[in-house]
C-alpha atoms as a PDB file:
ATOM      1  CA  MET A   1      -6.008-113.230 -48.103  1.00  0.00           C
ATOM      2  CA  ALA A   2      -5.708-109.417 -47.679  1.00  0.00           C
ATOM      3  CA  GLU A   3      -2.525-107.958 -46.167  1.00  0.00           C
ATOM      4  CA  ALA A   4      -2.704-106.016 -43.003  1.00  0.00           C
ATOM      5  CA  ASN A   5      -2.482-102.715 -44.894  1.00  0.00           C
ATOM      6  CA  GLU A   6      -5.296-103.647 -47.320  1.00  0.00           C
ATOM      7  CA  PHE A   7      -9.053-103.387 -46.957  1.00  0.00           C
ATOM      8  CA  ALA A   8     -11.954-103.815 -49.235  1.00  0.00           C
ATOM      9  CA  VAL A   9     -14.755-101.307 -49.841  1.00  0.00           C
ATOM     10  CA  ARG A  10     -17.987-101.653 -51.705  1.00  0.00           C
ATOM     11  CA  VAL A  11     -18.640 -99.182 -54.522  1.00  0.00           C
ATOM     12  CA  GLU A  12     -22.127 -99.182 -56.043  1.00  0.00           C
ATOM     13  CA  PHE A  13     -22.764 -98.299 -59.704  1.00  0.00           C
ATOM     14  CA  ARG A  14     -26.374 -97.810 -60.698  1.00  0.00           C
ATOM     15  CA  ARG A  15     -28.397 -96.206 -63.473  1.00  0.00           C
ATOM     16  CA  GLY A  16     -31.099 -93.863 -62.393  1.00  0.00           C
ATOM     17  CA  ASP A  17     -34.498 -93.532 -64.041  1.00  0.00           C
ATOM     18  CA  ASP A  18     -33.034 -90.388 -65.707  1.00  0.00           C
ATOM     19  CA  GLY A  19     -30.313 -92.538 -67.389  1.00  0.00           C
ATOM     20  CA  ARG A  20     -27.481 -91.107 -65.324  1.00  0.00           C
ATOM     21  CA  CYS A  21     -24.820 -93.142 -63.576  1.00  0.00           C
ATOM     22  CA  TYR A  22     -24.770 -92.846 -59.879  1.00  0.00           C
ATOM     23  CA  ILE A  23     -21.781 -94.003 -57.882  1.00  0.00           C
ATOM     24  CA  GLY A  24     -21.712 -94.282 -54.095  1.00  0.00           C
ATOM     25  CA  SER A  25     -20.357 -96.365 -51.336  1.00  0.00           C
ATOM     26  CA  PRO A  26     -21.681 -97.330 -47.875  1.00  0.00           C
ATOM     27  CA  ASP A  27     -18.032 -97.750 -46.879  1.00  0.00           C
ATOM     28  CA  ILE A  28     -16.577 -94.355 -47.916  1.00  0.00           C
ATOM     29  CA  VAL A  29     -18.162 -91.344 -46.384  1.00  0.00           C
ATOM     30  CA  GLY A  30     -18.750 -88.612 -48.935  1.00  0.00           C
ATOM     31  CA  LEU A  31     -18.528 -90.724 -52.142  1.00  0.00           C
ATOM     32  CA  HIS A  32     -21.413 -89.543 -54.233  1.00  0.00           C
ATOM     33  CA  LEU A  33     -20.946 -89.065 -57.967  1.00  0.00           C
ATOM     34  CA  ALA A  34     -23.490 -88.722 -60.788  1.00  0.00           C
ATOM     35  CA  GLY A  35     -23.347 -87.997 -64.519  1.00  0.00           C
ATOM     36  CA  HIS A  36     -24.225 -89.103 -67.901  1.00  0.00           C
ATOM     37  CA  ASP A  37     -20.602 -90.010 -68.935  1.00  0.00           C
ATOM     38  CA  ILE A  38     -19.502 -93.189 -67.185  1.00  0.00           C
ATOM     39  CA  GLU A  39     -16.016 -92.754 -68.703  1.00  0.00           C
ATOM     40  CA  ALA A  40     -15.528 -89.401 -67.155  1.00  0.00           C
ATOM     41  CA  LEU A  41     -16.746 -90.676 -63.811  1.00  0.00           C
ATOM     42  CA  ARG A  42     -14.370 -93.640 -63.987  1.00  0.00           C
ATOM     43  CA  HIS A  43     -11.371 -91.266 -64.550  1.00  0.00           C
ATOM     44  CA  GLU A  44     -12.445 -89.089 -61.621  1.00  0.00           C
ATOM     45  CA  LEU A  45     -13.240 -91.978 -59.221  1.00  0.00           C
ATOM     46  CA  GLU A  46      -9.835 -93.026 -57.977  1.00  0.00           C
ATOM     47  CA  PRO A  47      -8.513 -89.474 -57.213  1.00  0.00           C
ATOM     48  CA  ILE A  48     -11.750 -88.699 -55.449  1.00  0.00           C
ATOM     49  CA  ILE A  49     -11.501 -91.982 -53.385  1.00  0.00           C
ATOM     50  CA  LYS A  50      -7.846 -91.103 -52.520  1.00  0.00           C
ATOM     51  CA  ASP A  51      -8.938 -87.626 -51.332  1.00  0.00           C
ATOM     52  CA  LEU A  52     -11.855 -88.974 -49.292  1.00  0.00           C
ATOM     53  CA  ILE A  53      -9.605 -91.590 -47.570  1.00  0.00           C
ATOM     54  CA  TRP A  54      -6.976 -88.889 -46.823  1.00  0.00           C
ATOM     55  CA  TYR A  55      -9.467 -86.427 -45.355  1.00  0.00           C
ATOM     56  CA  ASN A  56     -11.610 -88.981 -43.543  1.00  0.00           C
ATOM     57  CA  LEU A  57      -8.955 -91.454 -42.243  1.00  0.00           C
ATOM     58  CA  ASP A  58      -5.598 -89.526 -42.650  1.00  0.00           C
ATOM     59  CA  ARG A  59      -4.318 -92.328 -44.773  1.00  0.00           C
ATOM     60  CA  VAL A  60      -2.609 -92.405 -48.181  1.00  0.00           C
ATOM     61  CA  ILE A  61      -3.691 -94.994 -50.709  1.00  0.00           C
ATOM     62  CA  ASP A  62      -0.781 -96.881 -52.393  1.00  0.00           C
ATOM     63  CA  ARG A  63      -2.830 -98.769 -54.935  1.00  0.00           C
ATOM     64  CA  PHE A  64      -6.281 -99.826 -56.092  1.00  0.00           C
ATOM     65  CA  HIS A  65      -7.399-103.214 -57.216  1.00  0.00           C
ATOM     66  CA  TRP A  66     -10.903-103.325 -58.745  1.00  0.00           C
ATOM     67  CA  ILE A  67     -12.981-106.517 -58.998  1.00  0.00           C
ATOM     68  CA  PRO A  68     -13.921-106.480 -61.851  1.00  0.00           C
ATOM     69  CA  SER A  69     -11.681-103.825 -63.367  1.00  0.00           C
ATOM     70  CA  LEU A  70     -12.977-100.246 -63.909  1.00  0.00           C
ATOM     71  CA  GLU A  71     -12.923-100.874 -67.664  1.00  0.00           C
ATOM     72  CA  GLU A  72     -15.125-103.904 -67.335  1.00  0.00           C
ATOM     73  CA  ILE A  73     -17.574-102.000 -65.054  1.00  0.00           C
ATOM     74  CA  GLY A  74     -17.775 -99.223 -67.686  1.00  0.00           C
ATOM     75  CA  GLU A  75     -18.399-101.728 -70.505  1.00  0.00           C
ATOM     76  CA  ARG A  76     -21.123-103.547 -68.521  1.00  0.00           C
ATOM     77  CA  PHE A  77     -22.802-100.243 -67.593  1.00  0.00           C
ATOM     78  CA  ASN A  78     -22.726 -98.920 -71.242  1.00  0.00           C
ATOM     79  CA  SER A  79     -24.045-102.213 -72.650  1.00  0.00           C
ATOM     80  CA  ALA A  80     -27.024-102.401 -70.375  1.00  0.00           C
ATOM     81  CA  ARG A  81     -29.980-100.188 -71.097  1.00  0.00           C
ATOM     82  CA  ARG A  82     -31.170-100.415 -67.562  1.00  0.00           C
ATOM     83  CA  LEU A  83     -29.664-102.106 -64.539  1.00  0.00           C
ATOM     84  CA  ASP A  84     -32.452-103.754 -62.721  1.00  0.00           C
ATOM     85  CA  ASP A  85     -30.384-104.382 -59.599  1.00  0.00           C
ATOM     86  CA  GLU A  86     -27.865-102.222 -57.858  1.00  0.00           C
ATOM     87  CA  ARG A  87     -24.446-103.209 -58.989  1.00  0.00           C
ATOM     88  CA  THR A  88     -21.918-103.557 -56.231  1.00  0.00           C
ATOM     89  CA  GLU A  89     -18.371-103.784 -57.154  1.00  0.00           C
ATOM     90  CA  LEU A  90     -15.363-104.431 -54.897  1.00  0.00           C
ATOM     91  CA  CYS A  91     -12.342-102.192 -54.558  1.00  0.00           C
ATOM     92  CA  VAL A  92      -9.393-103.439 -52.637  1.00  0.00           C
ATOM     93  CA  ILE A  93      -7.281-100.538 -51.372  1.00  0.00           C
ATOM     94  CA  SER A  94      -3.773-100.861 -50.289  1.00  0.00           C
ATOM     95  CA  LEU A  95      -2.598 -98.217 -47.939  1.00  0.00           C
ATOM     96  CA  LYS A  96       0.951 -96.965 -47.576  1.00  0.00           C
ATOM     97  CA  ALA A  97       2.644 -97.574 -44.303  1.00  0.00           C
ATOM     98  CA  ALA A  98       1.649 -94.839 -41.800  1.00  0.00           C
END
């Protein structure tokens, strides 16, 4: 069970017809990333989410918990030539006390 200061957001990873990785979220306004290097996008993802939560909700993120891990997401993405379905991953965000 999630604690009161935690919430889950959906983050979608998909491969476009152009071979690029597209990352977005219906739960985080402004999260739109694209590029050919999934590793670079993975390293940029958490700081970008932190900034978006700060600017949109005036909250500070204490920690992330990815289901599955960002490493596993990257491995799955790199091993698949084409993702036929949109991959939706779960990110549980823990907020610092206000």
